[in-house]
Protein backbone atom coordinates (compact mmCIF):
# COMPACT_ATOMS: atom_id res chain seq x y z
CA MET A 1 25.63 126.31 50.21
CA ALA A 2 22.17 127.47 50.66
CA GLY A 3 20.55 126.74 47.62
CA GLY A 4 23.07 128.28 44.99
CA SER A 5 21.65 131.36 46.42
CA LYS A 6 24.00 134.29 45.66
CA VAL A 7 23.13 136.52 47.61
CA PHE A 8 23.83 134.59 50.60
CA SER A 9 27.31 134.23 49.39
CA VAL A 10 27.49 137.96 49.17
CA PHE A 11 26.53 138.01 52.68
CA MET A 12 28.97 135.46 53.61
CA LEU A 13 31.39 136.90 52.26
CA ILE A 14 31.73 140.45 53.45
CA PHE A 15 30.75 138.80 57.14
CA TYR A 16 33.36 136.80 57.30
CA ALA A 17 35.64 139.80 55.34
CA ILE A 18 34.95 141.45 59.23
CA LEU A 19 35.47 138.64 61.42
CA MET A 20 39.14 138.55 59.70
CA TYR A 21 39.43 142.52 60.70
CA PHE A 22 39.26 141.56 64.28
CA VAL A 23 41.20 138.52 63.66
CA PHE A 24 43.77 140.88 62.58
CA VAL A 25 43.50 144.22 65.15
CA ASN A 26 44.00 140.87 68.08
CA ASN A 27 40.09 141.02 69.25
CA ASN A 28 40.24 137.81 69.11
CA MET A 29 36.39 136.91 71.86
CA VAL A 30 34.57 139.42 69.22
CA ALA A 31 35.90 136.87 66.02
CA MET A 32 35.14 134.23 68.27
CA TYR A 33 31.37 134.59 68.71
CA MET A 34 31.41 136.10 64.82
CA MET A 35 32.56 132.32 64.25
CA GLY A 36 30.32 130.70 65.62
CA ILE A 37 27.77 133.04 64.67
CA GLY A 38 28.46 132.12 61.22
CA MET A 39 28.63 128.56 61.43
CA PHE A 40 25.70 128.07 62.91
CA ILE A 41 24.12 129.96 60.38
CA GLU A 42 25.44 128.74 57.22
CA ALA A 43 24.96 125.24 59.27
CA LEU A 44 20.71 126.36 59.31
CA VAL A 45 20.38 127.46 56.25
CA ASN A 46 21.77 124.63 53.99
CA CYS A 47 19.54 122.64 56.29
CA ILE A 48 16.29 124.00 55.87
CA CYS A 49 17.86 124.17 51.93
CA THR A 50 18.04 120.74 52.06
CA PHE A 51 14.42 119.48 54.07
CA ARG A 52 12.76 121.81 51.54
CA SER A 53 14.03 120.32 48.54
CA LYS A 54 13.38 116.59 49.86
CA THR A 55 9.56 118.27 50.69
CA ASN A 56 9.50 119.20 47.36
CA LYS A 57 9.98 116.15 45.42
């Protein structure tokens, strides 16, 4: 994921920990927005890394 970036992995871990907090305090709409944003960010970063690695070969 994300070219093996440790910084991005830690960022997403913290992001999803905050997401779990919102689920546990029953603030589900904020959690759903965060889930959508998190999945989009992961897909975007993976897409960028995939195309970048193919153009450098």
